[in-house]
Every structure is written in C-alpha cells, then in structure tokens.
Amino acid sequence: MDTLFYDGQCPLCMKEIRLLRRIGGNDLRLIDVHGLKDPATWPGIPLEYLLQRLHLLDGEGIYRTGLRAMVQTWSHTPLGFLFRLLLLPGVRTLAEAAYNRWAERRYCRRYGCSITS
C-alpha cells in the first residue's frame, strides 16, 4: 500500500486530499504530517522536508517526492492516466519546474523561506 504524507495546513493541498478521498481507492493511505506524533518514526525524513514537498512511500519501501509523488498518488484514481502524461519527455521537465516553483513559494509563504534540495 502506498502512503502519502501531506501538509494538512495547506488549503490547496486539502482540496486535493478531499478529492483523492472521494474518488480514490482504498489502496492509498493519507497522512497529515502535522498529525505525526514522532516524526522520527519515518527514518531519514525530518518534518521540515515533509512540509516542503509531497512525499510518498510506496508498497516496496521506495520514497518518491514532488511531481513523482503526485503522479503516483493520482495513479490510485480514475484520473491517473492524465497525471502520467506529466512524465512524458519534455513535459516532465516543465512539470517538475512548475511543481518545484509552486512548492517553494507555498512553503516560503507558510513557514518562512529556506528550501532544502
């Protein structure tokens, strides 16, 4: 089962999570990182990093972040085929740049700025 870690204090993120809950299957676990009692439970990923970008832990123990996490997340819905188009050569470069820019602006506005790559 895939597990998505998201920022539950982000209004746009929450709109997306509500849609995922409505149209997604039962094979995706959604975890608000603000609800983590002990962020150290998730080795190697400090809370600060979890807040900067989407993080998805797949069923095989592999982490995906950013655009790759988003595409994998939406693969659990009937809209997954549309999100996979974002990984096409050429499109992927633009989509990653757009996602990274959005994530940086969102994080800086909400938590103060200092993105860690």
PDB file of N, CA and C in Angstrom:
ATOM      1  N   MET A   1       0.846  -1.177   0.000  1.00  0.00           N
ATOM      2  CA  MET A   1       0.000   0.000   0.000  1.00  0.00           C
ATOM      3  C   MET A   1       0.893   1.243   0.000  1.00  0.00           C
ATOM      4  N   ASP A   2       0.544   2.214  -0.832  1.00  0.00           N
ATOM      5  CA  ASP A   2       1.273   3.473  -0.862  1.00  0.00           C
ATOM      6  C   ASP A   2       0.796   4.372   0.271  1.00  0.00           C
ATOM      7  N   THR A   3       1.703   5.199   0.782  1.00  0.00           N
ATOM      8  CA  THR A   3       1.387   6.150   1.846  1.00  0.00           C
ATOM      9  C   THR A   3       1.834   7.533   1.409  1.00  0.00           C
ATOM     10  N   LEU A   4       0.889   8.473   1.390  1.00  0.00           N
ATOM     11  CA  LEU A   4       1.187   9.856   1.028  1.00  0.00           C
ATOM     12  C   LEU A   4       1.244  10.708   2.283  1.00  0.00           C
ATOM     13  N   PHE A   5       2.322  11.471   2.420  1.00  0.00           N
ATOM     14  CA  PHE A   5       2.476  12.413   3.524  1.00  0.00           C
ATOM     15  C   PHE A   5       2.200  13.802   2.965  1.00  0.00           C
ATOM     16  N   TYR A   6       1.252  14.513   3.558  1.00  0.00           N
ATOM     17  CA  TYR A   6       0.856  15.821   3.029  1.00  0.00           C
ATOM     18  C   TYR A   6       0.751  16.847   4.153  1.00  0.00           C
ATOM     19  N   ASP A   7       0.734  18.121   3.759  1.00  0.00           N
ATOM     20  CA  ASP A   7       0.625  19.243   4.690  1.00  0.00           C
ATOM     21  C   ASP A   7      -0.850  19.578   4.874  1.00  0.00           C
ATOM     22  N   GLY A   8      -1.417  19.160   5.984  1.00  0.00           N
ATOM     23  CA  GLY A   8      -2.832  19.379   6.265  1.00  0.00           C
ATOM     24  C   GLY A   8      -3.193  20.810   6.593  1.00  0.00           C
ATOM     25  N   GLN A   9      -2.209  21.703   6.674  1.00  0.00           N
ATOM     26  CA  GLN A   9      -2.492  23.115   6.918  1.00  0.00           C
ATOM     27  C   GLN A   9      -2.438  23.938   5.636  1.00  0.00           C
ATOM     28  N   CYS A  10      -2.249  23.280   4.517  1.00  0.00           N
ATOM     29  CA  CYS A  10      -2.205  23.939   3.206  1.00  0.00           C
ATOM     30  C   CYS A  10      -3.597  23.837   2.577  1.00  0.00           C
ATOM     31  N   PRO A  11      -4.289  24.971   2.353  1.00  0.00           N
ATOM     32  CA  PRO A  11      -5.647  24.927   1.804  1.00  0.00           C
ATOM     33  C   PRO A  11      -5.742  24.213   0.452  1.00  0.00           C
ATOM     34  N   LEU A  12      -4.831  24.497  -0.475  1.00  0.00           N
ATOM     35  CA  LEU A  12      -4.880  23.838  -1.777  1.00  0.00           C
ATOM     36  C   LEU A  12      -4.609  22.341  -1.637  1.00  0.00           C
ATOM     37  N   CYS A  13      -3.655  22.000  -0.774  1.00  0.00           N
ATOM     38  CA  CYS A  13      -3.342  20.583  -0.534  1.00  0.00           C
ATOM     39  C   CYS A  13      -4.583  19.855  -0.013  1.00  0.00           C
ATOM     40  N   MET A  14      -5.316  20.499   0.880  1.00  0.00           N
ATOM     41  CA  MET A  14      -6.501  19.869   1.471  1.00  0.00           C
ATOM     42  C   MET A  14      -7.614  19.683   0.447  1.00  0.00           C
ATOM     43  N   LYS A  15      -7.743  20.601  -0.508  1.00  0.00           N
ATOM     44  CA  LYS A  15      -8.726  20.411  -1.584  1.00  0.00           C
ATOM     45  C   LYS A  15      -8.389  19.147  -2.366  1.00  0.00           C
ATOM     46  N   GLU A  16      -7.105  18.985  -2.657  1.00  0.00           N
ATOM     47  CA  GLU A  16      -6.656  17.805  -3.393  1.00  0.00           C
ATOM     48  C   GLU A  16      -6.884  16.535  -2.576  1.00  0.00           C
ATOM     49  N   ILE A  17      -6.607  16.578  -1.294  1.00  0.00           N
ATOM     50  CA  ILE A  17      -6.793  15.408  -0.429  1.00  0.00           C
ATOM     51  C   ILE A  17      -8.271  15.029  -0.362  1.00  0.00           C
ATOM     52  N   ARG A  18      -9.149  16.021  -0.250  1.00  0.00           N
ATOM     53  CA  ARG A  18     -10.597  15.723  -0.223  1.00  0.00           C
ATOM     54  C   ARG A  18     -11.032  15.043  -1.517  1.00  0.00           C
ATOM     55  N   LEU A  19     -10.509  15.517  -2.657  1.00  0.00           N
ATOM     56  CA  LEU A  19     -10.841  14.888  -3.935  1.00  0.00           C
ATOM     57  C   LEU A  19     -10.282  13.466  -3.992  1.00  0.00           C
ATOM     58  N   LEU A  20      -9.060  13.279  -3.541  1.00  0.00           N
ATOM     59  CA  LEU A  20      -8.472  11.931  -3.512  1.00  0.00           C
ATOM     60  C   LEU A  20      -9.319  10.981  -2.669  1.00  0.00           C
ATOM     61  N   ARG A  21      -9.790  11.462  -1.534  1.00  0.00           N
ATOM     62  CA  ARG A  21     -10.627  10.615  -0.667  1.00  0.00           C
ATOM     63  C   ARG A  21     -11.941  10.263  -1.348  1.00  0.00           C
ATOM     64  N   ARG A  22     -12.466  11.206  -2.121  1.00  0.00           N
ATOM     65  CA  ARG A  22     -13.754  10.982  -2.766  1.00  0.00           C
ATOM     66  C   ARG A  22     -13.652  10.018  -3.952  1.00  0.00           C
ATOM     67  N   ILE A  23     -12.604  10.158  -4.777  1.00  0.00           N
ATOM     68  CA  ILE A  23     -12.557   9.345  -5.996  1.00  0.00           C
ATOM     69  C   ILE A  23     -11.497   8.245  -5.974  1.00  0.00           C
ATOM     70  N   GLY A  24     -10.632   8.248  -4.966  1.00  0.00           N
ATOM     71  CA  GLY A  24      -9.558   7.256  -4.899  1.00  0.00           C
ATOM     72  C   GLY A  24     -10.026   5.931  -4.330  1.00  0.00           C
ATOM     73  N   GLY A  25      -9.176   4.955  -4.464  1.00  0.00           N
ATOM     74  CA  GLY A  25      -9.468   3.636  -3.911  1.00  0.00           C
ATOM     75  C   GLY A  25      -9.010   3.535  -2.469  1.00  0.00           C
ATOM     76  N   ASN A  26      -9.097   2.341  -1.944  1.00  0.00           N
ATOM     77  CA  ASN A  26      -8.696   2.089  -0.557  1.00  0.00           C
ATOM     78  C   ASN A  26      -7.239   1.652  -0.445  1.00  0.00           C
ATOM     79  N   ASP A  27      -6.493   1.766  -1.538  1.00  0.00           N
ATOM     80  CA  ASP A  27      -5.107   1.294  -1.534  1.00  0.00           C
ATOM     81  C   ASP A  27      -4.090   2.431  -1.380  1.00  0.00           C
ATOM     82  N   LEU A  28      -4.553   3.575  -0.874  1.00  0.00           N
ATOM     83  CA  LEU A  28      -3.674   4.712  -0.625  1.00  0.00           C
ATOM     84  C   LEU A  28      -3.944   5.239   0.775  1.00  0.00           C
ATOM     85  N   ARG A  29      -2.895   5.267   1.580  1.00  0.00           N
ATOM     86  CA  ARG A  29      -3.017   5.793   2.939  1.00  0.00           C
ATOM     87  C   ARG A  29      -2.580   7.254   2.915  1.00  0.00           C
ATOM     88  N   LEU A  30      -3.389   8.130   3.508  1.00  0.00           N
ATOM     89  CA  LEU A  30      -3.121   9.567   3.527  1.00  0.00           C
ATOM     90  C   LEU A  30      -2.788   9.992   4.947  1.00  0.00           C
ATOM     91  N   ILE A  31      -1.615  10.606   5.129  1.00  0.00           N
ATOM     92  CA  ILE A  31      -1.177  11.006   6.468  1.00  0.00           C
ATOM     93  C   ILE A  31      -0.820  12.490   6.477  1.00  0.00           C
ATOM     94  N   ASP A  32      -1.528  13.240   7.320  1.00  0.00           N
ATOM     95  CA  ASP A  32      -1.212  14.649   7.538  1.00  0.00           C
ATOM     96  C   ASP A  32       0.041  14.702   8.410  1.00  0.00           C
ATOM     97  N   VAL A  33       1.097  15.327   7.908  1.00  0.00           N
ATOM     98  CA  VAL A  33       2.359  15.336   8.651  1.00  0.00           C
ATOM     99  C   VAL A  33       2.243  16.091   9.973  1.00  0.00           C
ATOM    100  N   HIS A  34       1.241  16.962  10.095  1.00  0.00           N
ATOM    101  CA  HIS A  34       1.052  17.674  11.362  1.00  0.00           C
ATOM    102  C   HIS A  34       0.494  16.748  12.437  1.00  0.00           C
ATOM    103  N   GLY A  35      -0.032  15.613  12.037  1.00  0.00           N
ATOM    104  CA  GLY A  35      -0.565  14.647  12.988  1.00  0.00           C
ATOM    105  C   GLY A  35       0.451  13.618  13.445  1.00  0.00           C
ATOM    106  N   LEU A  36       1.652  13.663  12.871  1.00  0.00           N
ATOM    107  CA  LEU A  36       2.684  12.709  13.282  1.00  0.00           C
ATOM    108  C   LEU A  36       3.107  13.032  14.706  1.00  0.00           C
ATOM    109  N   LYS A  37       2.970  12.072  15.572  1.00  0.00           N
ATOM    110  CA  LYS A  37       3.366  12.269  16.971  1.00  0.00           C
ATOM    111  C   LYS A  37       4.886  12.353  17.089  1.00  0.00           C
ATOM    112  N   ASP A  38       5.564  11.522  16.322  1.00  0.00           N
ATOM    113  CA  ASP A  38       7.017  11.467  16.388  1.00  0.00           C
ATOM    114  C   ASP A  38       7.572  11.375  14.966  1.00  0.00           C
ATOM    115  N   PRO A  39       7.954  12.517  14.368  1.00  0.00           N
ATOM    116  CA  PRO A  39       8.470  12.491  13.002  1.00  0.00           C
ATOM    117  C   PRO A  39       9.650  11.536  12.815  1.00  0.00           C
ATOM    118  N   ALA A  40      10.343  11.208  13.882  1.00  0.00           N
ATOM    119  CA  ALA A  40      11.469  10.279  13.779  1.00  0.00           C
ATOM    120  C   ALA A  40      11.000   8.872  13.422  1.00  0.00           C
ATOM    121  N   THR A  41       9.694   8.629  13.530  1.00  0.00           N
ATOM    122  CA  THR A  41       9.131   7.340  13.134  1.00  0.00           C
ATOM    123  C   THR A  41       9.412   7.069  11.662  1.00  0.00           C
ATOM    124  N   TRP A  42       9.545   8.126  10.881  1.00  0.00           N
ATOM    125  CA  TRP A  42       9.795   7.982   9.451  1.00  0.00           C
ATOM    126  C   TRP A  42      11.270   8.297   9.212  1.00  0.00           C
ATOM    127  N   PRO A  43      12.130   7.296   9.282  1.00  0.00           N
ATOM    128  CA  PRO A  43      13.585   7.485   9.261  1.00  0.00           C
ATOM    129  C   PRO A  43      14.069   8.304   8.068  1.00  0.00           C
ATOM    130  N   GLY A  44      14.984   9.200   8.372  1.00  0.00           N
ATOM    131  CA  GLY A  44      15.636   9.961   7.319  1.00  0.00           C
ATOM    132  C   GLY A  44      14.836  11.111   6.746  1.00  0.00           C
ATOM    133  N   ILE A  45      13.632  11.336   7.225  1.00  0.00           N
ATOM    134  CA  ILE A  45      12.826  12.421   6.672  1.00  0.00           C
ATOM    135  C   ILE A  45      12.347  13.325   7.797  1.00  0.00           C
ATOM    136  N   PRO A  46      13.071  14.407   8.042  1.00  0.00           N
ATOM    137  CA  PRO A  46      12.635  15.357   9.066  1.00  0.00           C
ATOM    138  C   PRO A  46      11.319  16.024   8.664  1.00  0.00           C
ATOM    139  N   LEU A  47      10.568  16.469   9.643  1.00  0.00           N
ATOM    140  CA  LEU A  47       9.287  17.135   9.408  1.00  0.00           C
ATOM    141  C   LEU A  47       9.437  18.288   8.421  1.00  0.00           C
ATOM    142  N   GLU A  48      10.513  19.042   8.530  1.00  0.00           N
ATOM    143  CA  GLU A  48      10.745  20.178   7.624  1.00  0.00           C
ATOM    144  C   GLU A  48      10.708  19.732   6.162  1.00  0.00           C
ATOM    145  N   TYR A  49      11.330  18.601   5.846  1.00  0.00           N
ATOM    146  CA  TYR A  49      11.337  18.103   4.470  1.00  0.00           C
ATOM    147  C   TYR A  49       9.949  17.635   4.048  1.00  0.00           C
ATOM    148  N   LEU A  50       9.239  16.987   4.965  1.00  0.00           N
ATOM    149  CA  LEU A  50       7.889  16.522   4.650  1.00  0.00           C
ATOM    150  C   LEU A  50       6.966  17.686   4.314  1.00  0.00           C
ATOM    151  N   LEU A  51       7.212  18.836   4.920  1.00  0.00           N
ATOM    152  CA  LEU A  51       6.387  20.016   4.664  1.00  0.00           C
ATOM    153  C   LEU A  51       6.750  20.709   3.354  1.00  0.00           C
ATOM    154  N   GLN A  52       7.944  20.497   2.862  1.00  0.00           N
ATOM    155  CA  GLN A  52       8.394  21.208   1.665  1.00  0.00           C
ATOM    156  C   GLN A  52       7.812  20.650   0.377  1.00  0.00           C
ATOM    157  N   ARG A  53       7.624  19.350   0.312  1.00  0.00           N
ATOM    158  CA  ARG A  53       7.134  18.685  -0.902  1.00  0.00           C
ATOM    159  C   ARG A  53       6.320  17.466  -0.503  1.00  0.00           C
ATOM    160  N   LEU A  54       5.486  17.024  -1.430  1.00  0.00           N
ATOM    161  CA  LEU A  54       4.800  15.755  -1.200  1.00  0.00           C
ATOM    162  C   LEU A  54       5.832  14.645  -1.090  1.00  0.00           C
ATOM    163  N   HIS A  55       5.578  13.716  -0.198  1.00  0.00           N
ATOM    164  CA  HIS A  55       6.404  12.513  -0.064  1.00  0.00           C
ATOM    165  C   HIS A  55       5.465  11.316  -0.100  1.00  0.00           C
ATOM    166  N   LEU A  56       5.811  10.343  -0.912  1.00  0.00           N
ATOM    167  CA  LEU A  56       5.026   9.120  -0.999  1.00  0.00           C
ATOM    168  C   LEU A  56       5.957   7.943  -0.762  1.00  0.00           C
ATOM    169  N   LEU A  57       5.561   7.079   0.141  1.00  0.00           N
ATOM    170  CA  LEU A  57       6.286   5.834   0.397  1.00  0.00           C
ATOM    171  C   LEU A  57       5.489   4.727  -0.261  1.00  0.00           C
ATOM    172  N   ASP A  58       6.078   4.070  -1.265  1.00  0.00           N
ATOM    173  CA  ASP A  58       5.314   3.029  -1.956  1.00  0.00           C
ATOM    174  C   ASP A  58       5.364   1.710  -1.193  1.00  0.00           C
ATOM    175  N   GLY A  59       4.605   0.757  -1.668  1.00  0.00           N
ATOM    176  CA  GLY A  59       4.481  -0.532  -1.001  1.00  0.00           C
ATOM    177  C   GLY A  59       5.774  -1.321  -0.927  1.00  0.00           C
ATOM    178  N   GLU A  60       6.762  -0.938  -1.733  1.00  0.00           N
ATOM    179  CA  GLU A  60       8.057  -1.625  -1.725  1.00  0.00           C
ATOM    180  C   GLU A  60       9.109  -0.870  -0.912  1.00  0.00           C
ATOM    181  N   GLY A  61       8.679   0.186  -0.210  1.00  0.00           N
ATOM    182  CA  GLY A  61       9.599   0.932   0.641  1.00  0.00           C
ATOM    183  C   GLY A  61      10.403   2.003  -0.066  1.00  0.00           C
ATOM    184  N   ILE A  62       9.995   2.377  -1.281  1.00  0.00           N
ATOM    185  CA  ILE A  62      10.698   3.405  -2.048  1.00  0.00           C
ATOM    186  C   ILE A  62       9.970   4.737  -1.885  1.00  0.00           C
ATOM    187  N   TYR A  63      10.735   5.786  -1.572  1.00  0.00           N
ATOM    188  CA  TYR A  63      10.160   7.127  -1.442  1.00  0.00           C
ATOM    189  C   TYR A  63      10.179   7.838  -2.786  1.00  0.00           C
ATOM    190  N   ARG A  64       9.088   8.539  -3.061  1.00  0.00           N
ATOM    191  CA  ARG A  64       9.007   9.436  -4.210  1.00  0.00           C
ATOM    192  C   ARG A  64       8.643  10.806  -3.657  1.00  0.00           C
ATOM    193  N   THR A  65       9.173  11.853  -4.265  1.00  0.00           N
ATOM    194  CA  THR A  65       8.859  13.200  -3.800  1.00  0.00           C
ATOM    195  C   THR A  65       8.407  14.060  -4.971  1.00  0.00           C
ATOM    196  N   GLY A  66       7.782  15.184  -4.633  1.00  0.00           N
ATOM    197  CA  GLY A  66       7.410  16.166  -5.639  1.00  0.00           C
ATOM    198  C   GLY A  66       6.486  15.617  -6.703  1.00  0.00           C
ATOM    199  N   LEU A  67       6.826  15.910  -7.963  1.00  0.00           N
ATOM    200  CA  LEU A  67       5.993  15.510  -9.093  1.00  0.00           C
ATOM    201  C   LEU A  67       5.805  13.998  -9.145  1.00  0.00           C
ATOM    202  N   ARG A  68       6.867  13.242  -8.911  1.00  0.00           N
ATOM    203  CA  ARG A  68       6.757  11.770  -8.959  1.00  0.00           C
ATOM    204  C   ARG A  68       5.788  11.266  -7.893  1.00  0.00           C
ATOM    205  N   ALA A  69       5.806  11.886  -6.719  1.00  0.00           N
ATOM    206  CA  ALA A  69       4.856  11.505  -5.664  1.00  0.00           C
ATOM    207  C   ALA A  69       3.434  11.839  -6.085  1.00  0.00           C
ATOM    208  N   MET A  70       3.258  13.007  -6.706  1.00  0.00           N
ATOM    209  CA  MET A  70       1.925  13.414  -7.145  1.00  0.00           C
ATOM    210  C   MET A  70       1.374  12.451  -8.203  1.00  0.00           C
ATOM    211  N   VAL A  71       2.196  12.117  -9.186  1.00  0.00           N
ATOM    212  CA  VAL A  71       1.752  11.199 -10.246  1.00  0.00           C
ATOM    213  C   VAL A  71       1.409   9.828  -9.663  1.00  0.00           C
ATOM    214  N   GLN A  72       2.255   9.312  -8.779  1.00  0.00           N
ATOM    215  CA  GLN A  72       1.989   8.010  -8.147  1.00  0.00           C
ATOM    216  C   GLN A  72       0.711   8.061  -7.312  1.00  0.00           C
ATOM    217  N   THR A  73       0.500   9.169  -6.612  1.00  0.00           N
ATOM    218  CA  THR A  73      -0.706   9.329  -5.796  1.00  0.00           C
ATOM    219  C   THR A  73      -1.956   9.262  -6.663  1.00  0.00           C
ATOM    220  N   TRP A  74      -1.958  10.030  -7.739  1.00  0.00           N
ATOM    221  CA  TRP A  74      -3.143  10.078  -8.598  1.00  0.00           C
ATOM    222  C   TRP A  74      -3.339   8.789  -9.393  1.00  0.00           C
ATOM    223  N   SER A  75      -2.320   7.928  -9.453  1.00  0.00           N
ATOM    224  CA  SER A  75      -2.491   6.635 -10.134  1.00  0.00           C
ATOM    225  C   SER A  75      -3.495   5.753  -9.393  1.00  0.00           C
ATOM    226  N   HIS A  76      -3.838   6.133  -8.179  1.00  0.00           N
ATOM    227  CA  HIS A  76      -4.830   5.398  -7.393  1.00  0.00           C
ATOM    228  C   HIS A  76      -6.255   5.857  -7.696  1.00  0.00           C
ATOM    229  N   THR A  77      -6.412   6.700  -8.698  1.00  0.00           N
ATOM    230  CA  THR A  77      -7.728   7.230  -9.060  1.00  0.00           C
ATOM    231  C   THR A  77      -7.980   6.999 -10.548  1.00  0.00           C
ATOM    232  N   PRO A  78      -9.222   7.195 -10.988  1.00  0.00           N
ATOM    233  CA  PRO A  78      -9.504   7.096 -12.422  1.00  0.00           C
ATOM    234  C   PRO A  78      -8.797   8.173 -13.253  1.00  0.00           C
ATOM    235  N   LEU A  79      -8.283   9.220 -12.620  1.00  0.00           N
ATOM    236  CA  LEU A  79      -7.590  10.294 -13.337  1.00  0.00           C
ATOM    237  C   LEU A  79      -6.095  10.035 -13.495  1.00  0.00           C
ATOM    238  N   GLY A  80      -5.628   8.904 -13.022  1.00  0.00           N
ATOM    239  CA  GLY A  80      -4.199   8.601 -13.046  1.00  0.00           C
ATOM    240  C   GLY A  80      -3.566   8.707 -14.419  1.00  0.00           C
ATOM    241  N   PHE A  81      -4.299   8.303 -15.459  1.00  0.00           N
ATOM    242  CA  PHE A  81      -3.736   8.343 -16.809  1.00  0.00           C
ATOM    243  C   PHE A  81      -3.394   9.777 -17.230  1.00  0.00           C
ATOM    244  N   LEU A  82      -4.168  10.750 -16.774  1.00  0.00           N
ATOM    245  CA  LEU A  82      -3.874  12.149 -17.103  1.00  0.00           C
ATOM    246  C   LEU A  82      -2.589  12.618 -16.431  1.00  0.00           C
ATOM    247  N   PHE A  83      -2.397  12.228 -15.192  1.00  0.00           N
ATOM    248  CA  PHE A  83      -1.199  12.638 -14.463  1.00  0.00           C
ATOM    249  C   PHE A  83       0.052  11.968 -15.012  1.00  0.00           C
ATOM    250  N   ARG A  84      -0.082  10.752 -15.534  1.00  0.00           N
ATOM    251  CA  ARG A  84       1.080  10.075 -16.127  1.00  0.00           C
ATOM    252  C   ARG A  84       1.620  10.839 -17.339  1.00  0.00           C
ATOM    253  N   LEU A  85       0.750  11.614 -17.995  1.00  0.00           N
ATOM    254  CA  LEU A  85       1.205  12.422 -19.131  1.00  0.00           C
ATOM    255  C   LEU A  85       2.270  13.436 -18.707  1.00  0.00           C
ATOM    256  N   LEU A  86       2.251  13.812 -17.437  1.00  0.00           N
ATOM    257  CA  LEU A  86       3.242  14.768 -16.928  1.00  0.00           C
ATOM    258  C   LEU A  86       4.658  14.198 -16.932  1.00  0.00           C
ATOM    259  N   LEU A  87       4.779  12.883 -17.078  1.00  0.00           N
ATOM    260  CA  LEU A  87       6.098  12.246 -17.072  1.00  0.00           C
ATOM    261  C   LEU A  87       6.674  12.050 -18.477  1.00  0.00           C
ATOM    262  N   LEU A  88       5.934  12.473 -19.501  1.00  0.00           N
ATOM    263  CA  LEU A  88       6.444  12.357 -20.867  1.00  0.00           C
ATOM    264  C   LEU A  88       7.673  13.249 -21.042  1.00  0.00           C
ATOM    265  N   PRO A  89       8.623  12.792 -21.862  1.00  0.00           N
ATOM    266  CA  PRO A  89       9.812  13.620 -22.108  1.00  0.00           C
ATOM    267  C   PRO A  89       9.405  15.022 -22.577  1.00  0.00           C
ATOM    268  N   GLY A  90      10.078  16.008 -22.074  1.00  0.00           N
ATOM    269  CA  GLY A  90       9.755  17.395 -22.407  1.00  0.00           C
ATOM    270  C   GLY A  90       8.706  17.957 -21.469  1.00  0.00           C
ATOM    271  N   VAL A  91       7.596  17.263 -21.357  1.00  0.00           N
ATOM    272  CA  VAL A  91       6.537  17.687 -20.443  1.00  0.00           C
ATOM    273  C   VAL A  91       7.038  17.571 -19.008  1.00  0.00           C
ATOM    274  N   ARG A  92       7.752  16.490 -18.728  1.00  0.00           N
ATOM    275  CA  ARG A  92       8.237  16.245 -17.364  1.00  0.00           C
ATOM    276  C   ARG A  92       9.122  17.384 -16.861  1.00  0.00           C
ATOM    277  N   THR A  93      10.018  17.852 -17.708  1.00  0.00           N
ATOM    278  CA  THR A  93      10.916  18.940 -17.309  1.00  0.00           C
ATOM    279  C   THR A  93      10.118  20.173 -16.904  1.00  0.00           C
ATOM    280  N   LEU A  94       9.136  20.536 -17.713  1.00  0.00           N
ATOM    281  CA  LEU A  94       8.300  21.702 -17.406  1.00  0.00           C
ATOM    282  C   LEU A  94       7.443  21.461 -16.175  1.00  0.00           C
ATOM    283  N   ALA A  95       6.867  20.268 -16.072  1.00  0.00           N
ATOM    284  CA  ALA A  95       6.003  19.945 -14.933  1.00  0.00           C
ATOM    285  C   ALA A  95       6.795  19.947 -13.628  1.00  0.00           C
ATOM    286  N   GLU A  96       8.006  19.400 -13.645  1.00  0.00           N
ATOM    287  CA  GLU A  96       8.839  19.406 -12.435  1.00  0.00           C
ATOM    288  C   GLU A  96       9.227  20.826 -12.045  1.00  0.00           C
ATOM    289  N   ALA A  97       9.570  21.646 -13.031  1.00  0.00           N
ATOM    290  CA  ALA A  97       9.925  23.042 -12.739  1.00  0.00           C
ATOM    291  C   ALA A  97       8.729  23.774 -12.135  1.00  0.00           C
ATOM    292  N   ALA A  98       7.544  23.561 -12.705  1.00  0.00           N
ATOM    293  CA  ALA A  98       6.338  24.215 -12.186  1.00  0.00           C
ATOM    294  C   ALA A  98       6.024  23.724 -10.775  1.00  0.00           C
ATOM    295  N   TYR A  99       6.090  22.407 -10.554  1.00  0.00           N
ATOM    296  CA  TYR A  99       5.817  21.869  -9.217  1.00  0.00           C
ATOM    297  C   TYR A  99       6.819  22.426  -8.203  1.00  0.00           C
ATOM    298  N   ASN A 100       8.099  22.382  -8.535  1.00  0.00           N
ATOM    299  CA  ASN A 100       9.132  22.846  -7.607  1.00  0.00           C
ATOM    300  C   ASN A 100       8.965  24.321  -7.279  1.00  0.00           C
ATOM    301  N   ARG A 101       8.627  25.126  -8.276  1.00  0.00           N
ATOM    302  CA  ARG A 101       8.415  26.562  -8.039  1.00  0.00           C
ATOM    303  C   ARG A 101       7.208  26.765  -7.129  1.00  0.00           C
ATOM    304  N   TRP A 102       6.115  26.056  -7.418  1.00  0.00           N
ATOM    305  CA  TRP A 102       4.915  26.179  -6.584  1.00  0.00           C
ATOM    306  C   TRP A 102       5.218  25.738  -5.153  1.00  0.00           C
ATOM    307  N   ALA A 103       5.895  24.601  -4.995  1.00  0.00           N
ATOM    308  CA  ALA A 103       6.196  24.078  -3.659  1.00  0.00           C
ATOM    309  C   ALA A 103       7.072  25.055  -2.878  1.00  0.00           C
ATOM    310  N   GLU A 104       8.041  25.644  -3.545  1.00  0.00           N
ATOM    311  CA  GLU A 104       8.921  26.606  -2.876  1.00  0.00           C
ATOM    312  C   GLU A 104       8.140  27.836  -2.420  1.00  0.00           C
ATOM    313  N   ARG A 105       7.318  28.378  -3.291  1.00  0.00           N
ATOM    314  CA  ARG A 105       6.528  29.570  -2.934  1.00  0.00           C
ATOM    315  C   ARG A 105       5.559  29.259  -1.801  1.00  0.00           C
ATOM    316  N   ARG A 106       4.901  28.112  -1.877  1.00  0.00           N
ATOM    317  CA  ARG A 106       3.941  27.728  -0.838  1.00  0.00           C
ATOM    318  C   ARG A 106       4.648  27.590   0.504  1.00  0.00           C
ATOM    319  N   TYR A 107       5.760  26.895   0.513  1.00  0.00           N
ATOM    320  CA  TYR A 107       6.497  26.676   1.756  1.00  0.00           C
ATOM    321  C   TYR A 107       7.000  28.004   2.327  1.00  0.00           C
ATOM    322  N   CYS A 108       7.576  28.830   1.470  1.00  0.00           N
ATOM    323  CA  CYS A 108       8.125  30.109   1.941  1.00  0.00           C
ATOM    324  C   CYS A 108       7.038  31.006   2.515  1.00  0.00           C
ATOM    325  N   ARG A 109       5.886  31.042   1.884  1.00  0.00           N
ATOM    326  CA  ARG A 109       4.788  31.877   2.380  1.00  0.00           C
ATOM    327  C   ARG A 109       4.245  31.369   3.705  1.00  0.00           C
ATOM    328  N   ARG A 110       4.163  30.063   3.852  1.00  0.00           N
ATOM    329  CA  ARG A 110       3.542  29.494   5.046  1.00  0.00           C
ATOM    330  C   ARG A 110       4.517  29.359   6.217  1.00  0.00           C
ATOM    331  N   TYR A 111       5.749  28.968   5.940  1.00  0.00           N
ATOM    332  CA  TYR A 111       6.675  28.617   7.020  1.00  0.00           C
ATOM    333  C   TYR A 111       7.944  29.465   7.071  1.00  0.00           C
ATOM    334  N   GLY A 112       8.061  30.462   6.215  1.00  0.00           N
ATOM    335  CA  GLY A 112       9.321  31.199   6.119  1.00  0.00           C
ATOM    336  C   GLY A 112      10.200  30.469   5.129  1.00  0.00           C
ATOM    337  N   CYS A 113      11.167  31.132   4.574  1.00  0.00           N
ATOM    338  CA  CYS A 113      11.858  30.529   3.437  1.00  0.00           C
ATOM    339  C   CYS A 113      13.198  29.907   3.792  1.00  0.00           C
ATOM    340  N   SER A 114      13.431  28.761   3.213  1.00  0.00           N
ATOM    341  CA  SER A 114      14.699  28.044   3.287  1.00  0.00           C
ATOM    342  C   SER A 114      14.460  26.630   2.794  1.00  0.00           C
ATOM    343  N   ILE A 115      14.344  26.489   1.486  1.00  0.00           N
ATOM    344  CA  ILE A 115      14.092  25.180   0.888  1.00  0.00           C
ATOM    345  C   ILE A 115      15.387  24.385   0.852  1.00  0.00           C
ATOM    346  N   THR A 116      15.295  23.132   1.259  1.00  0.00           N
ATOM    347  CA  THR A 116      16.427  22.220   1.215  1.00  0.00           C
ATOM    348  C   THR A 116      16.228  21.275   0.043  1.00  0.00           C
ATOM    349  N   SER A 117      17.169  21.249  -0.875  1.00  0.00           N
ATOM    350  CA  SER A 117      17.025  20.386  -2.055  1.00  0.00           C
ATOM    351  C   SER A 117      17.338  18.955  -1.723  1.00  0.00           C
TER     352      SER A 117
END
